[in-house]
Amino acid sequence: MAATFPDLKPNERQMTLGAYPTKTFRTMAGTTVKRRYGNKKFGYQLRLTFANRRDRDILQVVRHYENIDEDDRFELPPETFAGVTTTGQSSSPQRPGLRSILRSPDGCLWEYAGPPSIQWAGNEISSITVELVAELNV
């Protein structure tokens, strides 16, 4: 398992939920049939923006990216989802709250979808955007 992702609260989060592994077939009659090949969703996408931060915070994210192997996957710390409501969260594992679904979707771990993007504002203030994808942990 890779080094822990920096424990920073992002200014913005954008998430696309995952999907089951599915294949769609078209019959000769023109109808479609879908075949599901698994019981767990994968491919969750998460975009985190850490805006107008001190360079030392930005450097934590850059170091994390630089110090992991391409195939390393990791969990996200609780601070990444600070402020996400857990209203209505059940203590039942069959009905997890929103924060736990976002933090660790159904047996998935996070990996970088590509390199982070950095914008320098000057005076040791920068912004960084990170795009992550959650894949099944095998």
N, C-alpha and C. Protein backbone atom coordinates (compact mmCIF):
# COMPACT_ATOMS: atom_id res chain seq x y z
N MET A 1 0.85 -1.17 0.00
CA MET A 1 0.00 0.00 0.00
C MET A 1 0.90 1.24 0.00
N ALA A 2 0.48 2.23 -0.71
CA ALA A 2 1.25 3.46 -0.89
C ALA A 2 1.18 4.34 0.35
N ALA A 3 1.99 5.37 0.33
CA ALA A 3 1.99 6.35 1.41
C ALA A 3 0.60 6.99 1.52
N THR A 4 0.28 7.45 2.70
CA THR A 4 -1.01 8.06 2.97
C THR A 4 -1.16 9.38 2.23
N PHE A 5 -2.33 9.58 1.63
CA PHE A 5 -2.63 10.85 0.97
C PHE A 5 -2.64 11.95 2.03
N PRO A 6 -2.18 13.15 1.69
CA PRO A 6 -2.11 14.25 2.68
C PRO A 6 -3.48 14.53 3.31
N ASP A 7 -3.46 14.78 4.59
CA ASP A 7 -4.67 15.03 5.38
C ASP A 7 -5.07 16.50 5.28
N LEU A 8 -5.53 16.90 4.09
CA LEU A 8 -5.91 18.28 3.81
C LEU A 8 -7.37 18.33 3.39
N LYS A 9 -8.07 19.37 3.78
CA LYS A 9 -9.46 19.56 3.36
C LYS A 9 -9.49 20.32 2.05
N PRO A 10 -10.05 19.73 0.99
CA PRO A 10 -10.09 20.43 -0.30
C PRO A 10 -11.13 21.54 -0.30
N ASN A 11 -10.91 22.53 -1.16
CA ASN A 11 -11.89 23.60 -1.33
C ASN A 11 -13.07 23.13 -2.17
N GLU A 12 -12.79 22.17 -3.04
CA GLU A 12 -13.84 21.69 -3.94
C GLU A 12 -13.66 20.21 -4.19
N ARG A 13 -14.79 19.50 -4.24
CA ARG A 13 -14.80 18.07 -4.58
C ARG A 13 -15.84 17.86 -5.67
N GLN A 14 -15.49 17.02 -6.63
CA GLN A 14 -16.45 16.65 -7.66
C GLN A 14 -16.30 15.15 -7.87
N MET A 15 -17.43 14.42 -7.77
CA MET A 15 -17.34 12.96 -7.85
C MET A 15 -18.33 12.42 -8.87
N THR A 16 -17.87 11.42 -9.61
CA THR A 16 -18.73 10.64 -10.50
C THR A 16 -18.76 9.24 -9.92
N LEU A 17 -19.95 8.73 -9.66
CA LEU A 17 -20.07 7.41 -9.06
C LEU A 17 -19.66 6.32 -10.04
N GLY A 18 -19.32 5.16 -9.50
CA GLY A 18 -18.87 4.04 -10.32
C GLY A 18 -20.03 3.27 -10.93
N ALA A 19 -19.69 2.24 -11.69
CA ALA A 19 -20.68 1.42 -12.36
C ALA A 19 -20.26 -0.04 -12.30
N TYR A 20 -21.23 -0.92 -12.46
CA TYR A 20 -20.93 -2.35 -12.53
C TYR A 20 -20.26 -2.67 -13.86
N PRO A 21 -19.40 -3.68 -13.89
CA PRO A 21 -18.83 -4.10 -15.18
C PRO A 21 -19.94 -4.74 -16.02
N THR A 22 -20.29 -4.08 -17.11
CA THR A 22 -21.43 -4.48 -17.93
C THR A 22 -21.04 -4.47 -19.40
N LYS A 23 -21.58 -5.39 -20.14
CA LYS A 23 -21.39 -5.44 -21.59
C LYS A 23 -22.77 -5.44 -22.23
N THR A 24 -22.95 -4.57 -23.24
CA THR A 24 -24.22 -4.49 -23.95
C THR A 24 -24.07 -5.17 -25.31
N PHE A 25 -25.01 -6.06 -25.60
CA PHE A 25 -25.02 -6.78 -26.87
C PHE A 25 -26.27 -6.36 -27.66
N ARG A 26 -26.14 -6.22 -28.95
CA ARG A 26 -27.29 -5.93 -29.81
C ARG A 26 -27.58 -7.19 -30.62
N THR A 27 -28.84 -7.64 -30.55
CA THR A 27 -29.23 -8.84 -31.28
C THR A 27 -29.49 -8.51 -32.74
N MET A 28 -29.62 -9.53 -33.55
CA MET A 28 -29.90 -9.32 -34.97
C MET A 28 -31.28 -8.69 -35.17
N ALA A 29 -32.16 -8.87 -34.19
CA ALA A 29 -33.50 -8.27 -34.28
C ALA A 29 -33.49 -6.80 -33.87
N GLY A 30 -32.35 -6.32 -33.37
CA GLY A 30 -32.23 -4.91 -33.01
C GLY A 30 -32.44 -4.61 -31.54
N THR A 31 -32.78 -5.59 -30.75
CA THR A 31 -32.94 -5.36 -29.32
C THR A 31 -31.59 -5.41 -28.63
N THR A 32 -31.52 -4.88 -27.44
CA THR A 32 -30.27 -4.91 -26.69
C THR A 32 -30.43 -5.78 -25.45
N VAL A 33 -29.34 -6.42 -25.11
CA VAL A 33 -29.26 -7.24 -23.92
C VAL A 33 -28.02 -6.80 -23.16
N LYS A 34 -28.18 -6.57 -21.87
CA LYS A 34 -27.03 -6.20 -21.04
C LYS A 34 -26.67 -7.36 -20.14
N ARG A 35 -25.37 -7.60 -20.07
CA ARG A 35 -24.85 -8.67 -19.23
C ARG A 35 -23.93 -8.04 -18.19
N ARG A 36 -24.22 -8.28 -16.91
CA ARG A 36 -23.40 -7.76 -15.83
C ARG A 36 -22.40 -8.82 -15.40
N TYR A 37 -21.12 -8.43 -15.32
CA TYR A 37 -20.03 -9.36 -15.04
C TYR A 37 -19.45 -9.23 -13.65
N GLY A 38 -20.15 -8.65 -12.73
CA GLY A 38 -19.63 -8.52 -11.38
C GLY A 38 -20.70 -8.01 -10.44
N ASN A 39 -20.37 -8.03 -9.15
CA ASN A 39 -21.33 -7.57 -8.15
C ASN A 39 -20.85 -6.33 -7.40
N LYS A 40 -19.77 -5.72 -7.89
CA LYS A 40 -19.25 -4.50 -7.25
C LYS A 40 -19.00 -3.44 -8.30
N LYS A 41 -19.31 -2.21 -7.93
CA LYS A 41 -19.07 -1.08 -8.83
C LYS A 41 -17.60 -0.70 -8.78
N PHE A 42 -17.12 -0.09 -9.85
CA PHE A 42 -15.73 0.37 -9.92
C PHE A 42 -15.69 1.62 -10.80
N GLY A 43 -14.54 2.22 -10.88
CA GLY A 43 -14.36 3.37 -11.75
C GLY A 43 -14.91 4.68 -11.21
N TYR A 44 -15.06 4.79 -9.90
CA TYR A 44 -15.47 6.05 -9.30
C TYR A 44 -14.41 7.09 -9.65
N GLN A 45 -14.82 8.31 -9.94
CA GLN A 45 -13.88 9.38 -10.27
C GLN A 45 -14.06 10.51 -9.27
N LEU A 46 -12.95 11.06 -8.82
CA LEU A 46 -12.97 12.13 -7.84
C LEU A 46 -11.96 13.20 -8.23
N ARG A 47 -12.44 14.42 -8.29
CA ARG A 47 -11.57 15.57 -8.59
C ARG A 47 -11.52 16.44 -7.34
N LEU A 48 -10.31 16.64 -6.83
CA LEU A 48 -10.10 17.46 -5.63
C LEU A 48 -9.32 18.71 -6.01
N THR A 49 -9.79 19.86 -5.53
CA THR A 49 -9.08 21.11 -5.76
C THR A 49 -8.72 21.71 -4.41
N PHE A 50 -7.46 21.98 -4.24
CA PHE A 50 -6.93 22.65 -3.05
C PHE A 50 -6.50 24.04 -3.52
N ALA A 51 -7.36 25.03 -3.31
CA ALA A 51 -7.15 26.36 -3.89
C ALA A 51 -6.56 27.34 -2.88
N ASN A 52 -5.68 28.22 -3.40
CA ASN A 52 -5.09 29.31 -2.63
C ASN A 52 -4.50 28.84 -1.31
N ARG A 53 -3.60 27.88 -1.43
CA ARG A 53 -2.94 27.29 -0.26
C ARG A 53 -1.48 27.70 -0.22
N ARG A 54 -0.92 27.60 0.95
CA ARG A 54 0.52 27.81 1.09
C ARG A 54 1.24 26.73 0.30
N ASP A 55 2.38 27.07 -0.24
CA ASP A 55 3.15 26.11 -1.04
C ASP A 55 3.49 24.85 -0.25
N ARG A 56 3.63 24.94 1.06
CA ARG A 56 3.96 23.75 1.86
C ARG A 56 2.83 22.72 1.81
N ASP A 57 1.56 23.18 1.73
CA ASP A 57 0.43 22.25 1.58
C ASP A 57 0.44 21.61 0.19
N ILE A 58 0.68 22.43 -0.82
CA ILE A 58 0.72 21.93 -2.20
C ILE A 58 1.85 20.91 -2.33
N LEU A 59 2.97 21.17 -1.69
CA LEU A 59 4.12 20.28 -1.75
C LEU A 59 3.80 18.91 -1.16
N GLN A 60 2.93 18.84 -0.17
CA GLN A 60 2.53 17.54 0.40
C GLN A 60 1.86 16.67 -0.67
N VAL A 61 0.99 17.27 -1.46
CA VAL A 61 0.29 16.53 -2.51
C VAL A 61 1.28 16.12 -3.61
N VAL A 62 2.15 17.04 -4.00
CA VAL A 62 3.14 16.75 -5.04
C VAL A 62 4.06 15.61 -4.58
N ARG A 63 4.51 15.65 -3.35
CA ARG A 63 5.40 14.58 -2.84
C ARG A 63 4.69 13.25 -2.82
N HIS A 64 3.41 13.25 -2.43
CA HIS A 64 2.66 12.00 -2.44
C HIS A 64 2.61 11.42 -3.86
N TYR A 65 2.29 12.27 -4.82
CA TYR A 65 2.23 11.82 -6.22
C TYR A 65 3.60 11.31 -6.70
N GLU A 66 4.65 12.03 -6.38
CA GLU A 66 5.99 11.67 -6.84
C GLU A 66 6.53 10.40 -6.17
N ASN A 67 6.07 10.08 -4.97
CA ASN A 67 6.64 8.97 -4.21
C ASN A 67 5.86 7.66 -4.32
N ILE A 68 4.87 7.59 -5.19
CA ILE A 68 4.16 6.33 -5.33
C ILE A 68 4.43 5.74 -6.71
N ASP A 69 4.30 4.43 -6.79
CA ASP A 69 4.42 3.75 -8.08
C ASP A 69 3.12 3.92 -8.84
N GLU A 70 3.18 3.73 -10.14
CA GLU A 70 2.02 3.92 -11.00
C GLU A 70 0.85 3.02 -10.60
N ASP A 71 1.14 1.83 -10.09
CA ASP A 71 0.07 0.90 -9.75
C ASP A 71 -0.29 0.91 -8.26
N ASP A 72 0.26 1.83 -7.48
CA ASP A 72 -0.08 1.94 -6.06
C ASP A 72 -1.47 2.54 -5.89
N ARG A 73 -2.20 1.99 -4.95
CA ARG A 73 -3.53 2.49 -4.60
C ARG A 73 -3.52 2.86 -3.13
N PHE A 74 -4.45 3.76 -2.75
CA PHE A 74 -4.43 4.28 -1.39
C PHE A 74 -5.83 4.67 -0.94
N GLU A 75 -6.00 4.73 0.38
CA GLU A 75 -7.23 5.25 0.96
C GLU A 75 -7.08 6.75 1.15
N LEU A 76 -8.20 7.44 1.23
CA LEU A 76 -8.18 8.87 1.49
C LEU A 76 -8.45 9.13 2.96
N PRO A 77 -7.76 10.09 3.57
CA PRO A 77 -7.97 10.38 4.98
C PRO A 77 -9.33 11.05 5.21
N PRO A 78 -9.83 11.00 6.44
CA PRO A 78 -11.14 11.60 6.74
C PRO A 78 -11.23 13.09 6.40
N GLU A 79 -10.14 13.83 6.53
CA GLU A 79 -10.16 15.27 6.29
C GLU A 79 -10.54 15.59 4.84
N THR A 80 -10.27 14.66 3.92
CA THR A 80 -10.62 14.88 2.51
C THR A 80 -12.12 15.09 2.35
N PHE A 81 -12.90 14.48 3.22
CA PHE A 81 -14.36 14.60 3.13
C PHE A 81 -14.97 15.37 4.31
N ALA A 82 -14.15 16.15 4.99
CA ALA A 82 -14.66 16.98 6.08
C ALA A 82 -15.73 17.92 5.54
N GLY A 83 -16.82 18.01 6.25
CA GLY A 83 -17.91 18.87 5.82
C GLY A 83 -18.98 18.15 5.02
N VAL A 84 -18.68 16.91 4.58
CA VAL A 84 -19.70 16.13 3.88
C VAL A 84 -20.66 15.61 4.95
N THR A 85 -21.93 15.86 4.74
CA THR A 85 -22.92 15.50 5.74
C THR A 85 -23.05 13.99 5.89
N THR A 86 -23.32 13.57 7.09
CA THR A 86 -23.60 12.16 7.35
C THR A 86 -25.01 12.02 7.89
N THR A 87 -25.86 13.02 7.68
CA THR A 87 -27.24 12.98 8.16
C THR A 87 -27.93 11.75 7.61
N GLY A 88 -28.59 11.04 8.50
CA GLY A 88 -29.30 9.84 8.08
C GLY A 88 -28.40 8.63 7.99
N GLN A 89 -27.14 8.78 8.41
CA GLN A 89 -26.22 7.64 8.34
C GLN A 89 -26.69 6.56 9.29
N SER A 90 -26.72 5.37 8.80
CA SER A 90 -27.11 4.22 9.59
C SER A 90 -25.85 3.54 10.10
N SER A 91 -25.94 2.92 11.25
CA SER A 91 -24.78 2.18 11.76
C SER A 91 -24.68 0.81 11.09
N SER A 92 -25.66 0.45 10.29
CA SER A 92 -25.66 -0.83 9.60
C SER A 92 -24.67 -0.82 8.44
N PRO A 93 -23.83 -1.86 8.29
CA PRO A 93 -22.90 -1.90 7.17
C PRO A 93 -23.61 -1.99 5.82
N GLN A 94 -24.86 -2.46 5.80
CA GLN A 94 -25.61 -2.54 4.55
C GLN A 94 -26.11 -1.18 4.10
N ARG A 95 -26.13 -0.17 4.99
CA ARG A 95 -26.61 1.15 4.65
C ARG A 95 -25.62 2.21 5.16
N PRO A 96 -24.43 2.26 4.55
CA PRO A 96 -23.44 3.23 5.01
C PRO A 96 -23.85 4.66 4.66
N GLY A 97 -23.30 5.62 5.41
CA GLY A 97 -23.58 7.02 5.17
C GLY A 97 -22.79 7.54 3.98
N LEU A 98 -23.15 8.74 3.53
CA LEU A 98 -22.53 9.34 2.34
C LEU A 98 -21.02 9.45 2.48
N ARG A 99 -20.54 9.91 3.63
CA ARG A 99 -19.09 10.09 3.80
C ARG A 99 -18.35 8.78 3.62
N SER A 100 -18.85 7.68 4.19
CA SER A 100 -18.14 6.41 4.07
C SER A 100 -18.21 5.87 2.64
N ILE A 101 -19.30 6.13 1.92
CA ILE A 101 -19.39 5.70 0.52
C ILE A 101 -18.34 6.44 -0.31
N LEU A 102 -18.21 7.74 -0.07
CA LEU A 102 -17.25 8.53 -0.84
C LEU A 102 -15.82 8.19 -0.48
N ARG A 103 -15.56 7.97 0.79
CA ARG A 103 -14.18 7.76 1.24
C ARG A 103 -13.63 6.43 0.74
N SER A 104 -14.40 5.37 0.82
CA SER A 104 -13.92 4.05 0.42
C SER A 104 -15.05 3.29 -0.25
N PRO A 105 -15.28 3.56 -1.53
CA PRO A 105 -16.41 2.92 -2.21
C PRO A 105 -16.24 1.42 -2.35
N ASP A 106 -17.13 0.66 -1.75
CA ASP A 106 -17.30 -0.78 -1.93
C ASP A 106 -16.05 -1.57 -2.30
N GLY A 107 -15.05 -1.56 -1.44
CA GLY A 107 -13.86 -2.37 -1.67
C GLY A 107 -12.86 -1.79 -2.65
N CYS A 108 -13.03 -0.53 -3.01
CA CYS A 108 -12.13 0.13 -3.95
C CYS A 108 -11.06 0.93 -3.22
N LEU A 109 -9.94 1.10 -3.88
CA LEU A 109 -8.90 1.99 -3.41
C LEU A 109 -8.63 3.02 -4.50
N TRP A 110 -8.12 4.18 -4.11
CA TRP A 110 -7.91 5.29 -5.04
C TRP A 110 -6.53 5.22 -5.68
N GLU A 111 -6.46 5.71 -6.91
CA GLU A 111 -5.18 5.89 -7.60
C GLU A 111 -5.29 7.15 -8.44
N TYR A 112 -4.16 7.69 -8.83
CA TYR A 112 -4.15 8.91 -9.66
C TYR A 112 -4.60 8.58 -11.08
N ALA A 113 -5.52 9.39 -11.61
CA ALA A 113 -5.95 9.24 -13.00
C ALA A 113 -4.95 9.90 -13.94
N GLY A 114 -4.15 10.80 -13.42
CA GLY A 114 -3.14 11.53 -14.18
C GLY A 114 -2.35 12.41 -13.24
N PRO A 115 -1.40 13.14 -13.75
CA PRO A 115 -0.60 14.01 -12.88
C PRO A 115 -1.42 15.19 -12.37
N PRO A 116 -1.10 15.68 -11.17
CA PRO A 116 -1.78 16.86 -10.63
C PRO A 116 -1.50 18.09 -11.49
N SER A 117 -2.41 19.04 -11.44
CA SER A 117 -2.27 20.31 -12.15
C SER A 117 -2.10 21.43 -11.13
N ILE A 118 -1.05 22.23 -11.30
CA ILE A 118 -0.73 23.28 -10.32
C ILE A 118 -0.84 24.65 -10.98
N GLN A 119 -1.41 25.60 -10.23
CA GLN A 119 -1.46 27.00 -10.64
C GLN A 119 -0.78 27.82 -9.55
N TRP A 120 0.17 28.65 -9.96
CA TRP A 120 0.86 29.50 -9.01
C TRP A 120 0.22 30.88 -9.00
N ALA A 121 -0.11 31.36 -7.81
CA ALA A 121 -0.70 32.69 -7.68
C ALA A 121 0.35 33.71 -7.24
N GLY A 122 1.49 33.22 -6.82
CA GLY A 122 2.57 34.10 -6.36
C GLY A 122 2.56 34.25 -4.85
N ASN A 123 3.64 34.79 -4.32
CA ASN A 123 3.77 35.04 -2.88
C ASN A 123 3.54 33.77 -2.05
N GLU A 124 4.09 32.63 -2.54
CA GLU A 124 4.00 31.32 -1.90
C GLU A 124 2.57 30.83 -1.74
N ILE A 125 1.69 31.24 -2.64
CA ILE A 125 0.30 30.77 -2.66
C ILE A 125 0.06 30.08 -4.00
N SER A 126 -0.50 28.87 -3.94
CA SER A 126 -0.74 28.09 -5.15
C SER A 126 -2.05 27.32 -5.01
N SER A 127 -2.46 26.73 -6.12
CA SER A 127 -3.62 25.83 -6.14
C SER A 127 -3.20 24.57 -6.86
N ILE A 128 -3.80 23.45 -6.46
CA ILE A 128 -3.51 22.17 -7.12
C ILE A 128 -4.82 21.41 -7.30
N THR A 129 -4.95 20.77 -8.45
CA THR A 129 -6.10 19.92 -8.73
C THR A 129 -5.62 18.51 -8.98
N VAL A 130 -6.26 17.55 -8.33
CA VAL A 130 -5.89 16.16 -8.42
C VAL A 130 -7.12 15.36 -8.91
N GLU A 131 -6.90 14.50 -9.88
CA GLU A 131 -7.97 13.64 -10.36
C GLU A 131 -7.64 12.21 -10.00
N LEU A 132 -8.57 11.57 -9.28
CA LEU A 132 -8.37 10.21 -8.80
C LEU A 132 -9.45 9.29 -9.37
N VAL A 133 -9.14 8.00 -9.44
CA VAL A 133 -10.11 7.01 -9.84
C VAL A 133 -10.02 5.86 -8.83
N ALA A 134 -11.18 5.32 -8.44
CA ALA A 134 -11.23 4.20 -7.49
C ALA A 134 -11.45 2.91 -8.25
N GLU A 135 -10.54 1.98 -8.07
CA GLU A 135 -10.63 0.68 -8.73
C GLU A 135 -10.73 -0.40 -7.66
N LEU A 136 -11.27 -1.54 -8.03
CA LEU A 136 -11.42 -2.64 -7.10
C LEU A 136 -10.04 -3.11 -6.62
N ASN A 137 -9.94 -3.37 -5.35
CA ASN A 137 -8.69 -3.82 -4.76
C ASN A 137 -8.67 -5.34 -4.79
N VAL A 138 -7.77 -5.90 -5.58
CA VAL A 138 -7.68 -7.37 -5.68
C VAL A 138 -6.43 -7.88 -5.04
